[in-house]
Amino acid sequence: MSETPRENAESDGYAELMTLLFSSMGRLRRQVGRLAGRSFDEPGLSGAQSEFLRLVGRRPGISVKEAAGELGSAANSVSTLVTELVKAGLVVREPDPRDRRTMRLSLTPDAQRIADETRRQRHAVVAEALDQLTAIERAQLRNGLAAMTRLTDLLHEREHSRGGDR
């Protein structure tokens, strides 16, 4: 497989697919956020910090390395986020009892309550919309999500085969 970006992505029929893919993902995320409310939209928090807080809220005890992998970020960038958010009183950092070199991350109780409530609201909004789809449409959505997961995995593999440690 070539290590350089394809020159013909626009001419081989992928342009429309890519446009639909990117616009649908962004539109879905924005629409759910508008209907359910956004978590951690406090003044002074960046989008990256908010995304990180949502991740730690979903996966308490995650390590910096695991969070970096999940976010597709460099570990040192995630470490910087952790330091900032610990100082802001939103994240707690504790050594792993089995490996003291590894830090396990969790949200403070107040931050976890915000994450949990927003997640419940988002799930309720999406569940209500899913109820309005037919069984066939829900099956198509599952298949599409499987393909998106595979696409993401392929991109992740490509990044790491190029020496990217992000």
Protein backbone atom coordinates (compact mmCIF):
# COMPACT_ATOMS: atom_id res chain seq x y z
CA MET A 1 0.00 0.00 0.00
CA SER A 2 1.25 3.46 -0.85
CA GLU A 3 2.35 5.68 2.01
CA THR A 4 1.36 8.88 0.20
CA PRO A 5 -2.17 10.26 0.01
CA ARG A 6 -4.10 9.15 -3.05
CA GLU A 7 -4.12 11.71 -5.80
CA ASN A 8 -7.36 10.45 -7.36
CA ALA A 9 -9.66 10.39 -4.33
CA GLU A 10 -11.84 13.05 -5.96
CA SER A 11 -12.04 11.37 -9.36
CA ASP A 12 -12.72 7.77 -8.30
CA GLY A 13 -16.19 8.37 -6.88
CA TYR A 14 -15.18 8.91 -3.26
CA ALA A 15 -15.72 12.68 -3.18
CA GLU A 16 -19.46 12.44 -2.61
CA LEU A 17 -19.06 9.61 -0.07
CA MET A 18 -16.46 11.60 1.88
CA THR A 19 -18.61 14.73 1.84
CA LEU A 20 -21.62 12.79 3.14
CA LEU A 21 -19.53 11.01 5.77
CA PHE A 22 -17.93 14.14 7.22
CA SER A 23 -21.06 16.28 7.06
CA SER A 24 -23.26 13.57 8.60
CA MET A 25 -20.92 12.94 11.53
CA GLY A 26 -20.55 16.63 12.29
CA ARG A 27 -24.23 17.36 11.87
CA LEU A 28 -25.24 14.45 14.14
CA ARG A 29 -22.84 15.55 16.86
CA ARG A 30 -23.99 19.19 16.70
CA GLN A 31 -27.69 18.26 16.63
CA VAL A 32 -27.41 15.94 19.63
CA GLY A 33 -25.47 18.66 21.46
CA ARG A 34 -28.16 21.24 20.74
CA LEU A 35 -30.99 18.97 21.87
CA ALA A 36 -29.34 17.38 24.90
CA GLY A 37 -27.07 20.18 25.98
CA ARG A 38 -23.34 20.21 25.91
CA SER A 39 -21.29 18.93 28.79
CA PHE A 40 -18.35 20.93 30.00
CA ASP A 41 -19.11 23.99 27.90
CA GLU A 42 -17.70 26.19 30.59
CA PRO A 43 -15.87 29.33 29.58
CA GLY A 44 -12.17 28.66 29.38
CA LEU A 45 -12.42 24.98 28.45
CA SER A 46 -11.22 24.07 24.99
CA GLY A 47 -12.93 21.54 22.76
CA ALA A 48 -10.05 19.12 23.39
CA GLN A 49 -10.45 19.49 27.15
CA SER A 50 -14.21 18.92 26.93
CA GLU A 51 -13.73 15.83 24.76
CA PHE A 52 -11.13 14.51 27.20
CA LEU A 53 -13.46 15.08 30.18
CA ARG A 54 -16.27 13.19 28.41
CA LEU A 55 -13.88 10.29 27.76
CA VAL A 56 -12.70 10.09 31.37
CA GLY A 57 -16.33 10.35 32.49
CA ARG A 58 -17.18 7.31 30.36
CA ARG A 59 -14.05 5.40 31.38
CA PRO A 60 -13.03 6.22 34.94
CA GLY A 61 -9.61 4.74 35.72
CA ILE A 62 -8.33 5.17 32.17
CA SER A 63 -4.58 5.78 31.88
CA VAL A 64 -2.98 8.66 30.02
CA LYS A 65 -1.67 6.21 27.40
CA GLU A 66 -5.11 4.63 26.93
CA ALA A 67 -6.74 8.06 26.67
CA ALA A 68 -4.18 9.15 24.08
CA GLY A 69 -4.94 6.07 22.01
CA GLU A 70 -8.69 6.60 22.26
CA LEU A 71 -8.41 10.26 21.30
CA GLY A 72 -5.77 9.72 18.62
CA SER A 73 -3.47 12.18 20.38
CA ALA A 74 0.12 12.10 21.50
CA ALA A 75 0.58 11.01 25.12
CA ASN A 76 2.43 14.23 25.95
CA SER A 77 -0.53 16.27 24.68
CA VAL A 78 -2.89 14.28 26.89
CA SER A 79 -0.51 14.73 29.84
CA THR A 80 -0.74 18.48 29.32
CA LEU A 81 -4.55 18.27 29.32
CA VAL A 82 -4.44 16.23 32.52
CA THR A 83 -2.20 18.76 34.27
CA GLU A 84 -4.49 21.63 33.26
CA LEU A 85 -7.66 19.82 34.31
CA VAL A 86 -6.20 18.67 37.63
CA LYS A 87 -5.35 22.32 38.36
CA ALA A 88 -8.92 23.29 37.38
CA GLY A 89 -10.29 20.78 39.90
CA LEU A 90 -12.01 18.59 37.31
CA VAL A 91 -9.70 15.54 37.10
CA VAL A 92 -8.12 13.35 39.77
CA ARG A 93 -4.84 11.56 39.01
CA GLU A 94 -3.92 8.49 41.10
CA PRO A 95 -1.17 5.91 40.70
CA ASP A 96 -2.23 2.47 39.51
CA PRO A 97 -1.97 0.10 42.49
CA ARG A 98 -0.37 -2.59 40.27
CA ASP A 99 2.07 -0.29 38.46
CA ARG A 100 2.91 2.92 40.30
CA ARG A 101 4.42 4.39 37.10
CA THR A 102 0.96 4.42 35.50
CA MET A 103 -1.46 7.15 36.50
CA ARG A 104 -5.19 6.36 36.53
CA LEU A 105 -7.57 9.20 35.81
CA SER A 106 -11.06 9.96 37.03
CA LEU A 107 -13.30 12.98 37.27
CA THR A 108 -14.01 14.78 40.51
CA PRO A 109 -17.47 13.92 41.88
CA ASP A 110 -19.00 17.18 40.57
CA ALA A 111 -17.47 16.73 37.12
CA GLN A 112 -18.60 13.08 37.02
CA ARG A 113 -22.18 14.16 37.83
CA ILE A 114 -22.09 16.58 34.86
CA ALA A 115 -20.70 13.86 32.57
CA ASP A 116 -23.27 11.29 33.71
CA GLU A 117 -26.25 13.63 33.39
CA THR A 118 -25.22 14.87 29.95
CA ARG A 119 -24.64 11.29 28.77
CA ARG A 120 -28.14 10.32 30.00
CA GLN A 121 -29.63 13.29 28.15
CA ARG A 122 -27.75 12.46 24.94
CA HIS A 123 -28.76 8.80 25.12
CA ALA A 124 -32.40 9.75 25.67
CA VAL A 125 -32.42 12.14 22.70
CA VAL A 126 -30.83 9.58 20.38
CA ALA A 127 -33.00 6.70 21.68
CA GLU A 128 -36.12 8.74 20.92
CA ALA A 129 -34.93 9.30 17.36
CA LEU A 130 -33.90 5.64 16.97
CA ASP A 131 -37.43 4.64 17.99
CA GLN A 132 -38.68 6.47 14.90
CA LEU A 133 -36.46 4.46 12.54
CA THR A 134 -37.68 1.20 11.08
CA ALA A 135 -36.01 -2.07 12.05
CA ILE A 136 -34.40 -2.12 8.59
CA GLU A 137 -33.03 1.41 9.06
CA ARG A 138 -31.59 0.47 12.47
CA ALA A 139 -29.92 -2.60 10.90
CA GLN A 140 -28.52 -0.39 8.13
CA LEU A 141 -27.21 2.00 10.76
CA ARG A 142 -25.50 -0.87 12.63
CA ASN A 143 -23.85 -2.00 9.39
CA GLY A 144 -22.79 1.54 8.58
CA LEU A 145 -21.28 1.94 12.04
CA ALA A 146 -19.36 -1.30 11.59
CA ALA A 147 -17.95 0.07 8.34
CA MET A 148 -17.08 3.39 10.04
CA THR A 149 -15.29 1.50 12.81
CA ARG A 150 -13.32 -0.47 10.20
CA LEU A 151 -12.48 2.76 8.35
CA THR A 152 -11.27 4.35 11.59
CA ASP A 153 -9.17 1.27 12.38
CA LEU A 154 -7.57 1.38 8.92
CA LEU A 155 -6.70 5.05 9.35
CA HIS A 156 -5.27 4.35 12.81
CA GLU A 157 -3.14 1.50 11.42
CA ARG A 158 -1.90 3.76 8.63
CA GLU A 159 -0.95 6.46 11.09
CA HIS A 160 1.06 4.02 13.20
CA SER A 161 2.71 2.33 10.20
CA ARG A 162 4.02 5.77 9.22
CA GLY A 163 5.70 6.12 12.60
CA GLY A 164 3.07 8.38 14.12
CA ASP A 165 2.97 7.89 17.88
CA ARG A 166 -0.24 9.78 18.37
